[in-house]
């Protein structure tokens, strides 16, 4: 039904407008009695064999929603009813910001892909916390970044603000220095500034009564030598793990009309490179840290490929948009078949 009726209707509209429209519809729909239970009965797969313990947290299943979909923690409760084992909110910044000028979101239907140059549009970390205080049982990751106007030399301050503000309301943190849509942000992936940023956050983490896992989200465009640096940085800073990968600036092999739009590319064209990065990190580090695999997961087989390459958990985003909520169930059922 999703692929034959719902998706064709949604894809006739502007993608950003559809996103907000869908959020509004889901929010109102879930206010009706019994709706949450009906949705869960259709999409949630519960089985002890799906449970995972990764970086000290217990996940109901290994399939999560990647950051960027529910930036402001507006719909995490409703989205969890579609069978996700965890929801990652953000990227959040200390102060609200509108993001880049519209139009900034493009569907590449011929490539099963999306290009976005959103630019960390969000209502600010404090606004998200108000909603997160209502959370009861959804495992939440907090993806944090810096404001566009904050120069890189002061970026650490922005990450600290987000870390401190979110600390009591998320289960793990993700440091995002790999989005291509904030000017100069990717410079923070260089070894020295990245090590400094992560060590500062880890020092802050150590001051808390109980520390929380900190992960690093990396770009798929890093070279092998840069990936070796990432392995060294993880070892040096003792962060909990890596999310591989963010969107790519590559446009290799695309066929769609909007293929040359600037921004980060996600979806099927990213699948192989994301898997390569996961495998490289896993093998070269001798599986020294957990990896969350994300990038081009459009089917259950794609998710299995990421897990077999060395990922402990996976996340979907573009696949969720193209294939619908049934994708999460299909992945979990395929994992059970192979367990």
Protein backbone atom coordinates (compact mmCIF):
# COMPACT_ATOMS: atom_id res chain seq x y z
CA UNK A 1 0.00 0.00 0.00
CA UNK A 2 2.81 2.42 0.85
CA UNK A 3 4.72 1.87 -2.40
CA UNK A 4 1.63 1.71 -4.63
CA UNK A 5 -0.55 4.48 -3.15
CA UNK A 6 0.96 6.55 -0.34
CA UNK A 7 4.45 7.17 -1.75
CA UNK A 8 3.26 8.26 -5.22
CA UNK A 9 0.94 10.82 -3.59
CA UNK A 10 3.61 12.14 -1.23
CA UNK A 11 6.22 12.32 -3.99
CA UNK A 12 4.01 14.69 -6.01
CA UNK A 13 4.62 17.38 -3.38
CA UNK A 14 7.66 19.37 -2.29
CA UNK A 15 9.73 17.07 -0.04
CA UNK A 16 10.15 19.52 2.83
CA UNK A 17 6.46 20.42 2.85
CA UNK A 18 5.60 16.72 2.80
CA UNK A 19 7.84 16.16 5.82
CA UNK A 20 5.99 18.76 7.90
CA UNK A 21 2.61 17.60 6.60
CA UNK A 22 3.37 14.00 7.53
CA UNK A 23 4.51 15.01 11.00
CA UNK A 24 1.28 16.89 11.58
CA UNK A 25 -0.86 14.02 10.32
CA UNK A 26 0.94 11.44 12.44
CA UNK A 27 0.77 13.60 15.55
CA UNK A 28 -2.99 14.05 15.19
CA UNK A 29 -3.58 10.43 14.20
CA UNK A 30 -1.79 9.10 17.28
CA UNK A 31 -4.00 11.21 19.52
CA UNK A 32 -6.92 8.98 18.58
CA UNK A 33 -7.68 6.06 20.89
CA UNK A 34 -6.18 2.69 19.96
CA UNK A 35 -4.10 4.03 17.04
CA UNK A 36 -0.75 3.52 18.75
CA UNK A 37 -1.63 -0.05 19.65
CA UNK A 38 -2.84 -0.84 16.14
CA UNK A 39 0.34 0.56 14.55
CA UNK A 40 2.54 -1.35 16.97
CA UNK A 41 0.67 -4.60 16.29
CA UNK A 42 1.34 -4.18 12.57
CA UNK A 43 4.99 -3.09 12.63
CA UNK A 44 6.70 -4.00 15.92
CA UNK A 45 8.63 -7.27 16.01
CA UNK A 46 9.41 -8.44 19.54
CA UNK A 47 11.79 -11.29 20.12
CA UNK A 48 14.60 -11.75 22.65
CA UNK A 49 16.91 -12.71 19.77
CA UNK A 50 16.66 -9.17 18.43
CA UNK A 51 17.86 -7.59 21.65
CA UNK A 52 21.33 -6.08 21.65
CA UNK A 53 23.58 -4.70 24.36
CA UNK A 54 25.91 -2.13 22.83
CA UNK A 55 28.11 0.41 24.62
CA UNK A 56 26.31 -0.46 27.85
CA UNK A 57 22.78 0.16 26.57
CA UNK A 58 20.06 -2.41 25.93
CA UNK A 59 18.32 -2.10 22.57
CA UNK A 60 15.01 -3.88 21.87
CA UNK A 61 16.22 -4.43 18.33
CA UNK A 62 19.19 -3.21 16.26
CA UNK A 63 17.26 -0.99 13.80
CA UNK A 64 17.19 2.73 14.55
CA UNK A 65 16.03 5.95 12.93
CA UNK A 66 18.96 8.13 11.91
CA UNK A 67 19.33 11.75 12.93
CA UNK A 68 17.81 14.42 10.72
CA UNK A 69 14.31 12.98 10.49
CA UNK A 70 13.07 14.07 13.92
CA UNK A 71 15.49 16.93 14.49
CA UNK A 72 13.54 18.62 17.27
CA UNK A 73 12.26 15.54 19.14
CA UNK A 74 8.70 16.31 18.03
CA UNK A 75 7.62 12.80 17.03
CA UNK A 76 9.94 10.27 18.66
CA UNK A 77 7.15 8.54 20.60
CA UNK A 78 4.96 8.08 17.53
CA UNK A 79 7.87 7.01 15.33
CA UNK A 80 8.94 4.37 17.84
CA UNK A 81 5.58 2.66 17.28
CA UNK A 82 6.75 1.71 13.78
CA UNK A 83 9.19 -0.79 15.26
CA UNK A 84 12.42 1.16 15.72
CA UNK A 85 14.73 -0.06 18.46
CA UNK A 86 15.99 3.48 19.03
CA UNK A 87 15.49 7.02 17.73
CA UNK A 88 18.27 9.55 17.16
CA UNK A 89 17.15 13.17 17.37
CA UNK A 90 18.96 16.25 16.08
CA UNK A 91 21.27 17.55 14.90
CA UNK A 92 20.63 20.08 17.69
CA UNK A 93 22.54 23.33 18.21
CA UNK A 94 22.70 25.60 21.27
CA UNK A 95 20.63 28.36 19.70
CA UNK A 96 17.71 28.00 17.29
CA UNK A 97 18.60 28.53 13.65
CA UNK A 98 16.54 28.47 10.44
CA UNK A 99 19.07 26.58 8.35
CA UNK A 100 19.90 27.33 4.76
CA UNK A 101 17.63 29.04 2.27
CA UNK A 102 14.90 26.99 0.59
CA UNK A 103 14.72 25.02 -1.67
CA UNK A 104 17.14 22.77 0.17
CA UNK A 105 15.76 19.23 -0.11
CA UNK A 106 15.65 17.25 -3.37
CA UNK A 107 14.39 13.79 -4.27
CA UNK A 108 16.46 11.90 -6.82
CA UNK A 109 13.81 9.31 -7.65
CA UNK A 110 15.74 7.67 -10.48
CA UNK A 111 18.60 7.02 -8.04
CA UNK A 112 16.51 6.26 -4.92
CA UNK A 113 18.34 9.08 -3.21
CA UNK A 114 17.95 12.45 -1.54
CA UNK A 115 20.15 15.54 -1.56
CA UNK A 116 19.78 17.89 1.38
CA UNK A 117 21.46 21.12 2.35
CA UNK A 118 19.27 21.82 5.35
CA UNK A 119 22.05 23.36 7.44
CA UNK A 120 21.14 22.16 10.95
CA UNK A 121 17.73 23.84 10.97
CA UNK A 122 16.34 23.31 14.47
CA UNK A 123 14.61 25.06 17.32
CA UNK A 124 17.59 24.83 19.65
CA UNK A 125 18.52 22.30 22.28
CA UNK A 126 16.44 23.78 25.11
CA UNK A 127 13.23 23.50 23.10
CA UNK A 128 13.93 19.84 22.38
CA UNK A 129 14.52 19.13 26.07
CA UNK A 130 10.99 20.29 26.90
CA UNK A 131 9.64 17.48 24.69
CA UNK A 132 12.19 14.91 25.82
CA UNK A 133 11.05 15.34 29.42
CA UNK A 134 7.87 13.51 28.36
CA UNK A 135 9.79 10.41 27.27
CA UNK A 136 9.06 7.21 29.14
CA UNK A 137 10.48 4.24 27.28
CA UNK A 138 12.05 5.28 23.96
CA UNK A 139 15.82 4.84 23.73
CA UNK A 140 17.07 8.21 22.46
CA UNK A 141 20.33 9.32 20.91
CA UNK A 142 21.19 13.01 20.93
CA UNK A 143 23.02 14.24 17.84
CA UNK A 144 24.76 17.55 18.56
CA UNK A 145 26.48 20.21 16.46
CA UNK A 146 27.54 23.83 16.40
CA UNK A 147 25.65 26.91 15.28
CA UNK A 148 26.50 28.23 11.82
CA UNK A 149 27.68 31.59 13.22
CA UNK A 150 30.05 29.96 15.71
CA UNK A 151 33.62 29.95 14.39
CA UNK A 152 35.46 26.64 14.50
CA UNK A 153 37.86 27.89 17.18
CA UNK A 154 34.85 28.23 19.51
CA UNK A 155 33.01 25.12 18.34
CA UNK A 156 33.86 23.16 21.49
CA UNK A 157 31.76 25.59 23.52
CA UNK A 158 28.67 24.84 21.42
CA UNK A 159 29.12 21.10 21.80
CA UNK A 160 29.52 21.47 25.57
CA UNK A 161 26.30 23.50 25.82
CA UNK A 162 24.38 20.84 23.91
CA UNK A 163 26.00 18.03 25.90
CA UNK A 164 25.18 19.57 29.28
CA UNK A 165 21.64 20.57 28.32
CA UNK A 166 20.74 17.19 26.86
CA UNK A 167 22.59 15.01 29.33
CA UNK A 168 19.67 14.00 31.54
CA UNK A 169 17.34 13.40 28.62
CA UNK A 170 19.17 11.16 26.11
CA UNK A 171 20.77 7.73 26.36
CA UNK A 172 23.79 8.38 24.15
CA UNK A 173 25.41 11.27 22.30
CA UNK A 174 26.56 11.67 18.72
CA UNK A 175 29.13 14.32 17.83
CA UNK A 176 28.35 15.54 14.32
CA UNK A 177 31.35 17.13 12.61
CA UNK A 178 30.68 15.51 9.24
CA UNK A 179 27.68 17.31 7.76
CA UNK A 180 28.62 19.03 4.49
CA UNK A 181 25.93 21.70 4.97
CA UNK A 182 27.51 23.91 7.64
CA UNK A 183 30.46 25.95 6.32
CA UNK A 184 33.86 24.62 7.45
CA UNK A 185 32.29 22.07 9.83
CA UNK A 186 34.14 19.14 8.25
CA UNK A 187 37.45 20.80 9.13
CA UNK A 188 36.71 19.66 12.68
CA UNK A 189 37.28 16.07 11.46
CA UNK A 190 41.01 16.78 11.24
CA UNK A 191 42.93 14.85 13.86
CA UNK A 192 44.00 17.65 16.19
CA UNK A 193 40.71 19.60 16.52
CA UNK A 194 38.66 16.41 16.64
CA UNK A 195 40.81 14.88 19.37
CA UNK A 196 40.55 18.09 21.37
CA UNK A 197 36.76 18.23 20.97
CA UNK A 198 36.21 14.62 21.98
CA UNK A 199 38.63 14.76 24.91
CA UNK A 200 36.88 17.87 26.21
CA UNK A 201 33.50 16.16 26.03
CA UNK A 202 34.88 13.02 27.65
CA UNK A 203 36.31 15.10 30.50
CA UNK A 204 32.86 16.64 30.91
CA UNK A 205 31.36 13.16 30.78
CA UNK A 206 33.66 11.96 33.56
CA UNK A 207 32.40 14.73 35.84
CA UNK A 208 28.84 13.37 35.71
CA UNK A 209 27.61 10.90 38.35
CA UNK A 210 27.21 8.31 35.58
CA UNK A 211 28.82 8.87 32.19
CA UNK A 212 26.99 8.28 28.91
CA UNK A 213 28.24 6.85 25.61
CA UNK A 214 29.65 9.39 23.16
CA UNK A 215 29.85 8.41 19.49
CA UNK A 216 31.40 10.15 16.51
CA UNK A 217 29.55 10.43 13.19
CA UNK A 218 31.94 10.45 10.26
CA UNK A 219 31.73 11.28 6.56
CA UNK A 220 31.93 8.59 3.88
CA UNK A 221 34.34 10.79 1.94
CA UNK A 222 37.32 10.22 4.26
CA UNK A 223 40.42 8.60 2.81
CA UNK A 224 41.92 5.41 4.22
CA UNK A 225 44.59 7.41 6.06
CA UNK A 226 41.91 9.62 7.58
CA UNK A 227 39.96 6.55 8.66
CA UNK A 228 43.11 5.24 10.34
CA UNK A 229 43.25 8.59 12.15
CA UNK A 230 39.65 8.03 13.27
CA UNK A 231 40.60 4.64 14.73
CA UNK A 232 43.49 6.27 16.59
CA UNK A 233 41.25 9.06 17.86
CA UNK A 234 38.65 6.62 19.18
CA UNK A 235 41.38 4.72 20.99
CA UNK A 236 42.99 7.89 22.33
CA UNK A 237 39.79 9.57 23.54
CA UNK A 238 38.06 6.34 24.62
CA UNK A 239 34.73 7.36 23.12
CA UNK A 240 32.12 4.60 22.83
CA UNK A 241 32.00 4.13 19.07
CA UNK A 242 31.43 5.48 15.57
CA UNK A 243 28.45 6.08 13.30
CA UNK A 244 29.38 5.32 9.70
CA UNK A 245 28.36 7.22 7.72
CA UNK A 246 26.91 10.67 7.18
CA UNK A 247 25.85 11.92 3.73
CA UNK A 248 28.35 12.19 0.88
CA UNK A 249 29.43 15.02 -1.38
CA UNK A 250 30.17 12.51 -4.17
CA UNK A 251 27.89 12.48 -7.20
CA UNK A 252 29.33 9.44 -8.98
CA UNK A 253 26.91 7.46 -11.11
CA UNK A 254 23.80 9.58 -10.58
CA UNK A 255 21.09 9.87 -13.24
CA UNK A 256 18.49 12.23 -11.77
CA UNK A 257 17.80 15.76 -12.93
CA UNK A 258 18.82 17.34 -9.61
CA UNK A 259 22.05 15.36 -9.27
CA UNK A 260 24.25 18.47 -9.28
CA UNK A 261 22.48 20.25 -6.45
CA UNK A 262 24.86 21.06 -3.60
CA UNK A 263 24.43 19.30 -0.27
CA UNK A 264 24.75 15.85 1.20
CA UNK A 265 23.61 12.83 -0.78
CA UNK A 266 21.89 9.94 1.00
CA UNK A 267 20.17 6.79 -0.17
CA UNK A 268 21.03 3.90 -2.45
CA UNK A 269 24.13 5.47 -4.13
CA UNK A 270 25.76 5.68 -0.70
CA UNK A 271 25.20 2.00 0.16
CA UNK A 272 28.46 0.47 -1.04
CA UNK A 273 30.74 3.22 0.25
CA UNK A 274 29.13 3.23 3.68
CA UNK A 275 29.60 -0.53 3.89
CA UNK A 276 33.25 -0.17 2.81
CA UNK A 277 33.87 2.32 5.61
CA UNK A 278 32.23 0.04 8.18
CA UNK A 279 34.29 -2.94 7.05
CA UNK A 280 37.51 -0.92 7.00
CA UNK A 281 36.99 0.44 10.52
CA UNK A 282 35.98 -2.96 11.87
CA UNK A 283 38.89 -4.85 10.34
CA UNK A 284 41.64 -2.27 10.86
CA UNK A 285 40.63 -1.72 14.49
CA UNK A 286 40.21 -5.45 15.12
CA UNK A 287 36.62 -4.72 16.17
CA UNK A 288 37.86 -2.48 18.96
CA UNK A 289 34.66 -0.41 19.17
CA UNK A 290 30.99 -0.66 18.15
CA UNK A 291 29.86 0.82 14.84
CA UNK A 292 26.36 1.98 13.94
CA UNK A 293 25.96 1.40 10.21
CA UNK A 294 23.93 3.86 8.16
CA UNK A 295 23.86 4.79 4.50
CA UNK A 296 21.83 3.38 1.63
CA UNK A 297 19.83 0.79 3.57
CA UNK A 298 16.85 0.32 1.24
CA UNK A 299 16.11 -3.35 1.98
CA UNK A 300 16.58 -6.02 4.62
CA UNK A 301 19.51 -7.39 2.63
CA UNK A 302 21.21 -3.99 2.75
CA UNK A 303 20.93 -3.96 6.54
CA UNK A 304 22.30 -7.49 6.83
CA UNK A 305 25.23 -6.43 4.65
CA UNK A 306 26.07 -3.64 7.11
CA UNK A 307 25.83 -6.00 10.08
CA UNK A 308 28.03 -8.59 8.40
CA UNK A 309 30.57 -5.88 7.57
CA UNK A 310 30.98 -5.16 11.27
CA UNK A 311 28.11 -2.93 12.39
CA UNK A 312 26.52 -3.68 15.76
CA UNK A 313 23.41 -1.64 14.99
CA UNK A 314 21.96 0.00 11.88
CA UNK A 315 19.97 3.14 11.13
CA UNK A 316 17.68 4.09 8.26
CA UNK A 317 16.52 7.43 6.92
CA UNK A 318 16.18 7.65 3.14
CA UNK A 319 15.10 4.00 2.98
CA UNK A 320 12.31 4.83 5.45
CA UNK A 321 11.09 7.55 3.08
CA UNK A 322 11.30 5.43 -0.08
CA UNK A 323 10.19 2.07 1.30
CA UNK A 324 7.92 3.08 4.17
CA UNK A 325 7.65 1.80 7.74
CA UNK A 326 7.42 -1.81 6.59
CA UNK A 327 11.17 -1.70 6.02
CA UNK A 328 11.91 -1.82 9.75
CA UNK A 329 9.78 -4.92 10.20
CA UNK A 330 11.39 -6.57 7.16
CA UNK A 331 14.88 -5.97 8.54
CA UNK A 332 14.04 -7.34 11.97
CA UNK A 333 12.32 -10.40 10.48
CA UNK A 334 15.32 -11.08 8.24
CA UNK A 335 17.65 -10.85 11.25
CA UNK A 336 15.48 -13.41 13.03
CA UNK A 337 15.59 -15.74 10.04
CA UNK A 338 19.36 -15.71 10.21
CA UNK A 339 19.69 -16.00 13.97
